[in-house]
């Protein structure tokens, strides 16, 4: 009886305690929403090489110069070209005698102007890195010396977010190469498989005008898909209907979240039109929607309807139904991808989304990670760490915007794309997807949780 009385007394005392004392979350648990804004194709030095306090261009003075096919330093960088035009044309905005060193692109192509795309392929990327010397970027670039270009972003929204919150200056793309593979690594920390692929997907491609490689095989010899290939399920690029990737069955971060009943969505500009087969003025890149490669998100599936959403739904959901984990992908003309989008078009797009989140009820408990999928062919002076056959690849920008982000801080911790997965997994108690995200640093260095 005495024990029962004591228990009842303790229970009564507990009801007198303030509710906040019993339920106030601490540490990472104070973050209720994680938002990933995924931009395109820029190295760290190409955008934030001038950022105060970051390991940037001022620290690259002794970096090896770019070398030619014989390993000799160029006297001048190769001429800037645009291989998207047939025949290949020189970009006459740029001089033909650019010094063999980093240069300001804005002297020739303003931040509100587009410039040529650059080679960014899985095998060629590794050749450009050249064992960590990073000295063959110009030699193996379809855009010539443009690879050594950079912008001064001061005054842009991205720069201002980095100044106000946290900029990570040791964040690397998870895998070598381009957007297709690094979108896959963002959601599954894995490389898709295509074991019975036709022989043509193993062949090299060279530019007939210059003889330089502009493509390399879509697959490794043992059947892993490493360069852009269209999904088995629609929507897919109608110009590439043959040799599409078979349905994939690996576990994704979406699957992990759904298993724990944690709400999530991938918002994409142009998704509703693409899914309906409608053509619009927006450039929707099918390989930028990684979930459609997986059988769990096939057309007419409940998971696709529930989790794959159009950009417009993001703004609607911010009014009261915002998920715990959200990914946002702009259309191709607003994502900073060279050749498709200007620097400032993407900057305005990011600002509109971030401002909407900061003006919403979700903001006090939100962490936004603004990251890039991959280097886009641009040089960076830091050698990537060596982990496995897939990467990591070149250093890319990452900005953490949150009430909990350290203010005016440059985080020198080594991260890669799988660090985003690790943050999500750590916060929501999810099992890792692969060995890579299990061992990654989870971006905790960017946060401080004051009482």
Protein backbone atom coordinates (compact mmCIF):
# COMPACT_ATOMS: atom_id res chain seq x y z
CA UNK A 1 0.00 0.00 0.00
CA UNK A 2 2.83 2.39 0.88
CA UNK A 3 4.42 1.80 -2.51
CA UNK A 4 1.12 2.60 -4.23
CA UNK A 5 0.79 5.81 -2.22
CA UNK A 6 4.30 6.89 -3.15
CA UNK A 7 3.65 6.16 -6.84
CA UNK A 8 0.44 8.15 -6.73
CA UNK A 9 2.22 11.03 -5.02
CA UNK A 10 4.97 11.04 -7.66
CA UNK A 11 2.39 10.98 -10.45
CA UNK A 12 0.56 13.92 -8.89
CA UNK A 13 3.81 15.88 -8.57
CA UNK A 14 4.62 15.19 -12.24
CA UNK A 15 1.36 16.81 -13.30
CA UNK A 16 2.41 19.99 -11.54
CA UNK A 17 5.61 20.32 -13.59
CA UNK A 18 5.44 22.65 -16.58
CA UNK A 19 4.71 20.76 -19.80
CA UNK A 20 7.79 22.24 -21.45
CA UNK A 21 10.01 20.74 -18.77
CA UNK A 22 8.81 17.29 -19.70
CA UNK A 23 8.70 17.58 -23.49
CA UNK A 24 11.11 20.32 -24.66
CA UNK A 25 13.37 18.72 -27.33
CA UNK A 26 17.13 19.13 -27.12
CA UNK A 27 19.98 19.04 -29.64
CA UNK A 28 19.15 17.81 -33.13
CA UNK A 29 15.65 16.96 -31.96
CA UNK A 30 14.90 20.68 -32.02
CA UNK A 31 15.03 20.42 -35.81
CA UNK A 32 11.58 19.33 -36.98
CA UNK A 33 12.07 20.03 -40.70
CA UNK A 34 15.10 19.33 -42.90
CA UNK A 35 15.00 20.90 -46.36
CA UNK A 36 17.51 20.14 -49.11
CA UNK A 37 17.77 22.59 -52.02
CA UNK A 38 19.80 20.84 -54.73
CA UNK A 39 21.49 23.08 -57.30
CA UNK A 40 23.69 22.21 -60.26
CA UNK A 41 27.22 21.88 -61.48
CA UNK A 42 29.57 24.29 -59.73
CA UNK A 43 32.77 23.65 -57.80
CA UNK A 44 33.53 25.40 -54.53
CA UNK A 45 36.31 27.57 -55.95
CA UNK A 46 34.14 28.59 -58.93
CA UNK A 47 31.52 30.20 -56.64
CA UNK A 48 32.98 30.69 -53.16
CA UNK A 49 36.71 30.87 -53.88
CA UNK A 50 36.67 34.52 -52.75
CA UNK A 51 34.66 33.98 -49.56
CA UNK A 52 36.42 35.43 -46.47
CA UNK A 53 37.73 32.77 -44.11
CA UNK A 54 37.13 29.88 -46.51
CA UNK A 55 39.80 27.69 -48.09
CA UNK A 56 39.57 29.34 -51.48
CA UNK A 57 41.57 30.89 -54.27
CA UNK A 58 43.93 32.73 -51.94
CA UNK A 59 45.07 29.30 -50.72
CA UNK A 60 45.49 28.00 -54.29
CA UNK A 61 48.57 30.03 -55.18
CA UNK A 62 50.79 26.96 -55.24
CA UNK A 63 48.28 24.65 -56.95
CA UNK A 64 49.71 22.80 -59.97
CA UNK A 65 49.08 24.56 -63.30
CA UNK A 66 46.89 22.97 -65.95
CA UNK A 67 48.86 20.68 -68.26
CA UNK A 68 48.47 19.44 -71.82
CA UNK A 69 48.37 15.86 -73.14
CA UNK A 70 52.16 15.58 -72.67
CA UNK A 71 52.06 16.80 -69.09
CA UNK A 72 53.56 20.22 -69.93
CA UNK A 73 51.96 23.36 -68.44
CA UNK A 74 49.90 25.36 -70.91
CA UNK A 75 51.38 28.73 -71.89
CA UNK A 76 47.77 29.91 -72.18
CA UNK A 77 44.58 28.06 -71.35
CA UNK A 78 42.77 26.26 -74.20
CA UNK A 79 40.27 28.50 -75.96
CA UNK A 80 36.75 28.57 -74.49
CA UNK A 81 34.45 26.53 -76.75
CA UNK A 82 30.79 25.63 -76.97
CA UNK A 83 30.41 22.04 -78.16
CA UNK A 84 26.61 22.23 -77.98
CA UNK A 85 26.75 24.08 -81.29
CA UNK A 86 27.41 21.95 -84.36
CA UNK A 87 29.97 22.54 -85.67
CA UNK A 88 31.82 23.50 -82.49
CA UNK A 89 32.22 27.26 -82.11
CA UNK A 90 34.54 29.43 -80.06
CA UNK A 91 32.93 31.64 -77.46
CA UNK A 92 34.24 34.96 -78.73
CA UNK A 93 33.40 36.74 -75.49
CA UNK A 94 36.52 35.13 -74.02
CA UNK A 95 40.09 35.98 -75.14
CA UNK A 96 42.23 33.30 -76.79
CA UNK A 97 45.20 34.01 -74.51
CA UNK A 98 43.77 33.42 -71.02
CA UNK A 99 46.58 32.96 -68.50
CA UNK A 100 47.02 29.49 -67.03
CA UNK A 101 45.41 30.42 -63.72
CA UNK A 102 41.98 31.13 -62.22
CA UNK A 103 40.11 34.06 -63.79
CA UNK A 104 36.90 36.05 -63.26
CA UNK A 105 34.22 34.81 -65.67
CA UNK A 106 32.18 37.98 -65.14
CA UNK A 107 34.78 39.97 -67.10
CA UNK A 108 33.46 38.15 -70.19
CA UNK A 109 30.07 36.61 -69.28
CA UNK A 110 28.04 38.43 -66.64
CA UNK A 111 26.29 36.54 -63.83
CA UNK A 112 22.94 37.11 -65.57
CA UNK A 113 24.27 35.57 -68.82
CA UNK A 114 24.67 31.93 -69.74
CA UNK A 115 28.01 30.41 -70.70
CA UNK A 116 28.96 27.06 -72.30
CA UNK A 117 28.48 23.73 -70.57
CA UNK A 118 31.58 21.79 -69.53
CA UNK A 119 32.46 18.08 -69.53
CA UNK A 120 31.42 16.35 -66.31
CA UNK A 121 31.56 12.59 -66.79
CA UNK A 122 32.45 9.76 -64.41
CA UNK A 123 35.68 8.44 -65.93
CA UNK A 124 36.90 11.75 -67.37
CA UNK A 125 36.40 13.40 -63.98
CA UNK A 126 38.86 10.98 -62.41
CA UNK A 127 41.37 11.76 -65.15
CA UNK A 128 40.92 15.48 -64.48
CA UNK A 129 41.60 14.99 -60.77
CA UNK A 130 44.81 13.19 -61.81
CA UNK A 131 45.64 11.60 -58.49
CA UNK A 132 44.79 14.76 -56.54
CA UNK A 133 46.83 17.22 -58.63
CA UNK A 134 43.68 18.55 -60.31
CA UNK A 135 45.83 19.58 -63.28
CA UNK A 136 43.99 18.07 -66.26
CA UNK A 137 40.66 19.88 -65.98
CA UNK A 138 41.35 22.18 -68.95
CA UNK A 139 42.87 19.46 -71.11
CA UNK A 140 39.83 17.22 -70.78
CA UNK A 141 37.13 19.90 -70.84
CA UNK A 142 34.84 20.36 -73.81
CA UNK A 143 34.75 24.08 -72.88
CA UNK A 144 38.52 24.55 -72.78
CA UNK A 145 39.87 27.08 -70.30
CA UNK A 146 36.43 27.97 -68.92
CA UNK A 147 37.04 25.30 -66.28
CA UNK A 148 39.41 27.71 -64.49
CA UNK A 149 36.78 30.45 -64.26
CA UNK A 150 35.07 31.71 -61.13
CA UNK A 151 32.53 34.33 -60.06
CA UNK A 152 32.49 36.87 -57.27
CA UNK A 153 29.11 36.13 -55.72
CA UNK A 154 29.23 38.92 -53.14
CA UNK A 155 25.86 40.61 -52.92
CA UNK A 156 23.88 37.59 -54.13
CA UNK A 157 21.38 35.75 -51.96
CA UNK A 158 23.63 32.68 -51.78
CA UNK A 159 26.58 34.77 -50.60
CA UNK A 160 24.43 36.54 -48.04
CA UNK A 161 23.13 33.24 -46.64
CA UNK A 162 26.73 32.02 -46.31
CA UNK A 163 27.65 35.24 -44.47
CA UNK A 164 24.65 35.08 -42.15
CA UNK A 165 24.73 31.37 -41.40
CA UNK A 166 27.23 28.54 -42.10
CA UNK A 167 29.28 27.80 -45.20
CA UNK A 168 30.90 24.34 -45.42
CA UNK A 169 34.19 24.59 -47.30
CA UNK A 170 35.18 20.91 -47.22
CA UNK A 171 32.02 19.43 -48.72
CA UNK A 172 32.61 17.04 -51.66
CA UNK A 173 30.28 15.49 -54.21
CA UNK A 174 29.63 11.89 -53.19
CA UNK A 175 30.53 10.29 -56.52
CA UNK A 176 32.68 11.16 -59.49
CA UNK A 177 31.01 12.51 -62.62
CA UNK A 178 27.69 14.16 -63.27
CA UNK A 179 24.19 14.85 -62.09
CA UNK A 180 22.61 11.46 -62.74
CA UNK A 181 24.91 9.58 -60.39
CA UNK A 182 25.05 12.25 -57.69
CA UNK A 183 21.26 12.49 -57.53
CA UNK A 184 21.24 8.74 -56.94
CA UNK A 185 23.79 9.12 -54.16
CA UNK A 186 21.68 11.83 -52.54
CA UNK A 187 18.79 9.40 -52.04
CA UNK A 188 20.41 5.96 -51.73
CA UNK A 189 24.21 6.38 -51.29
CA UNK A 190 24.49 3.84 -54.07
CA UNK A 191 25.19 3.35 -57.75
CA UNK A 192 22.38 1.88 -59.92
CA UNK A 193 22.90 -1.45 -61.66
CA UNK A 194 22.35 -2.59 -65.26
CA UNK A 195 23.91 -6.04 -65.47
CA UNK A 196 22.51 -7.06 -68.87
CA UNK A 197 23.11 -3.79 -70.70
CA UNK A 198 23.70 -3.64 -74.47
CA UNK A 199 27.29 -3.22 -75.64
CA UNK A 200 26.80 0.32 -76.93
CA UNK A 201 26.47 1.60 -73.37
CA UNK A 202 30.07 0.59 -72.72
CA UNK A 203 31.55 2.62 -75.60
CA UNK A 204 33.61 5.80 -75.45
CA UNK A 205 32.70 8.98 -77.31
CA UNK A 206 35.11 11.53 -78.77
CA UNK A 207 34.47 14.92 -80.32
CA UNK A 208 35.13 14.51 -84.07
CA UNK A 209 36.31 18.14 -84.36
CA UNK A 210 38.84 18.14 -81.51
CA UNK A 211 39.47 14.47 -80.84
CA UNK A 212 38.94 15.09 -77.13
CA UNK A 213 36.70 12.77 -75.13
CA UNK A 214 33.33 14.40 -74.53
CA UNK A 215 31.64 11.32 -73.14
CA UNK A 216 32.64 8.07 -71.59
CA UNK A 217 30.73 4.83 -71.09
CA UNK A 218 27.37 5.02 -69.38
CA UNK A 219 28.31 1.87 -67.47
CA UNK A 220 31.28 0.32 -65.76
CA UNK A 221 32.48 -3.01 -67.12
CA UNK A 222 30.74 -4.82 -64.26
CA UNK A 223 27.36 -3.23 -64.98
CA UNK A 224 26.99 -0.16 -62.78
CA UNK A 225 25.32 2.91 -64.30
CA UNK A 226 27.61 5.91 -63.78
CA UNK A 227 26.62 8.38 -66.51
CA UNK A 228 23.23 9.71 -67.58
CA UNK A 229 20.75 7.06 -68.62
CA UNK A 230 16.98 7.46 -68.72
CA UNK A 231 14.66 5.69 -66.26
CA UNK A 232 12.62 2.62 -67.08
CA UNK A 233 9.44 4.30 -65.84
CA UNK A 234 7.95 7.45 -67.37
CA UNK A 235 8.47 10.28 -67.54
CA UNK A 236 11.71 9.99 -69.49
CA UNK A 237 13.37 11.93 -72.27
CA UNK A 238 11.50 10.91 -75.46
CA UNK A 239 14.73 11.43 -77.44
CA UNK A 240 16.33 8.56 -75.49
CA UNK A 241 13.69 5.87 -75.33
CA UNK A 242 16.11 3.04 -76.07
CA UNK A 243 18.43 1.44 -73.54
CA UNK A 244 16.73 2.84 -70.48
CA UNK A 245 17.86 1.76 -67.04
CA UNK A 246 15.92 -1.22 -65.64
CA UNK A 247 13.76 -0.60 -62.59
CA UNK A 248 15.88 -0.26 -59.45
CA UNK A 249 15.11 -1.90 -56.12
CA UNK A 250 17.69 -0.51 -53.71
CA UNK A 251 16.42 1.04 -50.49
CA UNK A 252 16.21 4.84 -50.61
CA UNK A 253 16.01 7.49 -47.93
CA UNK A 254 12.36 7.87 -48.92
CA UNK A 255 11.74 4.23 -48.04
CA UNK A 256 13.47 4.64 -44.69
CA UNK A 257 11.40 7.71 -43.86
CA UNK A 258 8.13 6.04 -44.87
CA UNK A 259 8.92 3.00 -42.73
CA UNK A 260 9.02 5.30 -39.70
CA UNK A 261 5.93 7.28 -40.81
CA UNK A 262 8.03 10.42 -41.17
CA UNK A 263 6.48 12.77 -43.71
CA UNK A 264 8.61 13.72 -46.73
CA UNK A 265 8.38 15.02 -50.28
CA UNK A 266 10.53 15.71 -53.31
CA UNK A 267 9.36 18.99 -54.86
CA UNK A 268 10.50 19.65 -58.44
CA UNK A 269 9.93 22.53 -60.78
CA UNK A 270 7.96 21.33 -63.81
CA UNK A 271 7.05 17.96 -62.31
CA UNK A 272 3.31 18.08 -62.96
CA UNK A 273 3.85 18.90 -66.62
CA UNK A 274 6.58 16.28 -67.04
CA UNK A 275 4.53 13.56 -65.36
CA UNK A 276 1.58 14.38 -67.62
CA UNK A 277 3.75 14.41 -70.75
CA UNK A 278 3.17 18.11 -71.37
CA UNK A 279 5.84 20.29 -72.96
CA UNK A 280 6.45 23.70 -71.42
CA UNK A 281 9.04 26.46 -71.56
CA UNK A 282 10.71 25.06 -68.46
CA UNK A 283 13.57 22.62 -68.88
CA UNK A 284 12.69 19.51 -66.87
CA UNK A 285 15.65 17.12 -66.57
CA UNK A 286 14.34 13.61 -66.03
CA UNK A 287 17.58 12.33 -64.48
CA UNK A 288 17.24 15.06 -61.84
CA UNK A 289 14.24 13.21 -60.38
CA UNK A 290 16.02 10.16 -58.91
CA UNK A 291 13.02 8.49 -57.28
CA UNK A 292 11.39 7.68 -60.63
CA UNK A 293 14.15 5.14 -61.26
CA UNK A 294 12.82 2.95 -58.44
CA UNK A 295 10.03 0.41 -58.58
CA UNK A 296 8.52 1.72 -55.34
CA UNK A 297 7.73 5.01 -57.14
CA UNK A 298 6.36 3.64 -60.39
CA UNK A 299 3.46 5.43 -62.12
CA UNK A 300 0.13 4.99 -60.32
CA UNK A 301 1.89 3.95 -57.13
CA UNK A 302 0.70 5.44 -53.88
CA UNK A 303 4.26 6.45 -53.01
CA UNK A 304 4.64 8.50 -56.20
CA UNK A 305 1.36 10.30 -55.67
CA UNK A 306 2.12 11.00 -52.02
CA UNK A 307 5.79 12.01 -52.18
CA UNK A 308 6.71 13.32 -55.66
CA UNK A 309 5.29 16.81 -56.00
CA UNK A 310 5.42 19.92 -58.14
CA UNK A 311 7.20 23.09 -57.05
CA UNK A 312 3.85 24.81 -56.57
CA UNK A 313 2.91 22.32 -53.85
CA UNK A 314 5.88 23.39 -51.76
CA UNK A 315 4.46 26.88 -51.31
CA UNK A 316 1.00 25.47 -50.64
CA UNK A 317 2.33 22.98 -48.07
CA UNK A 318 4.22 25.72 -46.23
CA UNK A 319 0.83 27.09 -45.21
CA UNK A 320 0.19 24.18 -42.90
CA UNK A 321 1.17 20.76 -44.20
CA UNK A 322 4.93 20.97 -44.60
CA UNK A 323 6.72 17.61 -44.39
CA UNK A 324 9.46 16.75 -41.93
CA UNK A 325 11.94 16.14 -44.77
CA UNK A 326 11.74 18.02 -48.07
CA UNK A 327 13.90 18.09 -51.19
CA UNK A 328 13.57 20.90 -53.72
CA UNK A 329 14.89 20.74 -57.29
CA UNK A 330 14.53 23.78 -59.58
CA UNK A 331 13.90 23.41 -63.31
CA UNK A 332 16.91 23.28 -65.58
CA UNK A 333 16.66 26.95 -66.44
CA UNK A 334 16.80 27.98 -62.77
CA UNK A 335 19.33 25.57 -61.24
CA UNK A 336 22.69 27.23 -62.22
CA UNK A 337 23.57 24.46 -64.67
CA UNK A 338 26.02 25.88 -67.26
CA UNK A 339 24.43 26.33 -70.66
CA UNK A 340 20.89 26.21 -69.26
CA UNK A 341 20.77 28.66 -66.38
CA UNK A 342 22.58 31.80 -65.38
CA UNK A 343 24.01 32.35 -61.91
CA UNK A 344 21.43 35.00 -61.07
CA UNK A 345 18.39 33.08 -62.37
CA UNK A 346 19.13 30.33 -59.86
CA UNK A 347 19.99 32.81 -57.13
CA UNK A 348 16.54 34.38 -57.45
CA UNK A 349 14.88 30.96 -57.40
CA UNK A 350 16.68 29.94 -54.21
CA UNK A 351 15.85 33.24 -52.54
CA UNK A 352 12.15 32.84 -53.31
CA UNK A 353 12.07 29.40 -51.72
CA UNK A 354 14.20 30.28 -48.70
CA UNK A 355 12.22 33.48 -48.08
CA UNK A 356 8.97 31.50 -48.19
CA UNK A 357 10.32 29.06 -45.60
CA UNK A 358 11.62 31.86 -43.36
CA UNK A 359 8.21 33.54 -43.53
CA UNK A 360 6.38 30.33 -42.59
CA UNK A 361 5.45 28.79 -39.26
CA UNK A 362 7.96 26.01 -39.97
CA UNK A 363 11.02 28.28 -39.91
CA UNK A 364 11.79 28.25 -36.15
CA UNK A 365 12.41 24.48 -36.30
CA UNK A 366 13.89 24.13 -39.81
CA UNK A 367 17.34 23.40 -41.19
CA UNK A 368 17.90 24.18 -44.89
CA UNK A 369 20.87 22.68 -46.70
CA UNK A 370 21.64 24.44 -49.98
CA UNK A 371 23.96 22.09 -51.85
CA UNK A 372 25.15 21.29 -55.36
CA UNK A 373 24.99 17.92 -57.03
CA UNK A 374 28.48 18.04 -58.59
CA UNK A 375 31.31 20.18 -59.95
CA UNK A 376 29.95 20.66 -63.47
CA UNK A 377 33.43 20.45 -64.99
CA UNK A 378 34.83 23.37 -62.97
CA UNK A 379 38.27 23.17 -61.38
CA UNK A 380 38.86 23.21 -57.65
CA UNK A 381 42.26 23.26 -55.97
CA UNK A 382 41.55 20.79 -53.14
CA UNK A 383 42.22 17.09 -53.69
CA UNK A 384 39.14 15.00 -52.83
CA UNK A 385 39.50 12.40 -50.07
CA UNK A 386 39.77 8.79 -51.22
CA UNK A 387 37.07 6.46 -49.94
CA UNK A 388 35.97 3.97 -52.61
CA UNK A 389 35.66 3.42 -56.36
CA UNK A 390 32.76 5.86 -56.62
CA UNK A 391 34.29 8.87 -54.96
CA UNK A 392 34.13 11.37 -53.42
CA UNK A 393 34.69 13.76 -56.28
CA UNK A 394 35.42 17.48 -56.44
CA UNK A 395 34.64 19.94 -53.64
CA UNK A 396 31.30 21.75 -54.02
CA UNK A 397 29.50 24.52 -52.09
CA UNK A 398 27.13 23.78 -49.23
CA UNK A 399 25.33 26.37 -47.09
CA UNK A 400 23.37 25.58 -43.93
CA UNK A 401 20.55 28.05 -43.26
CA UNK A 402 18.74 27.63 -39.96
CA UNK A 403 17.92 29.31 -36.65
CA UNK A 404 20.26 26.64 -35.25
CA UNK A 405 23.11 27.17 -37.74
CA UNK A 406 26.24 28.81 -36.41
CA UNK A 407 26.18 32.47 -37.39
CA UNK A 408 28.81 33.85 -39.74
CA UNK A 409 30.70 30.57 -39.59
CA UNK A 410 32.88 28.60 -42.00
CA UNK A 411 32.75 24.88 -41.17
CA UNK A 412 35.97 23.13 -42.18
CA UNK A 413 34.70 19.61 -41.36
CA UNK A 414 35.04 17.09 -44.20
CA UNK A 415 31.59 16.26 -45.58
CA UNK A 416 30.15 14.82 -48.76
CA UNK A 417 26.66 14.42 -50.22
CA UNK A 418 26.01 11.40 -47.99
CA UNK A 419 26.44 13.73 -44.99
CA UNK A 420 22.96 15.01 -45.82
CA UNK A 421 21.64 11.47 -45.50
CA UNK A 422 23.53 11.03 -42.24
CA UNK A 423 21.94 14.17 -40.80
CA UNK A 424 18.46 12.94 -41.73
CA UNK A 425 19.18 9.46 -40.37
CA UNK A 426 20.64 10.76 -37.12
CA UNK A 427 17.80 13.19 -36.50
CA UNK A 428 15.00 10.71 -37.22
CA UNK A 429 16.59 7.51 -35.93
CA UNK A 430 16.93 5.78 -39.30
CA UNK A 431 19.26 2.95 -40.19
CA UNK A 432 22.01 3.89 -42.68
CA UNK A 433 21.53 2.93 -46.31
CA UNK A 434 25.11 1.87 -47.08
CA UNK A 435 28.56 1.95 -45.56
CA UNK A 436 29.20 5.41 -46.99
CA UNK A 437 26.44 7.27 -45.17
CA UNK A 438 27.02 5.16 -42.07
CA UNK A 439 30.56 6.54 -41.82
CA UNK A 440 29.86 10.10 -43.04
CA UNK A 441 30.00 13.17 -40.83
CA UNK A 442 26.41 14.34 -40.41
CA UNK A 443 26.73 18.15 -40.64
CA UNK A 444 26.50 18.55 -36.87
CA UNK A 445 29.51 20.87 -37.01
CA UNK A 446 27.27 23.49 -38.61
CA UNK A 447 24.83 23.69 -35.70
CA UNK A 448 24.75 24.94 -32.14
CA UNK A 449 21.72 24.44 -29.94
CA UNK A 450 21.71 27.10 -27.25
CA UNK A 451 19.14 26.80 -24.47
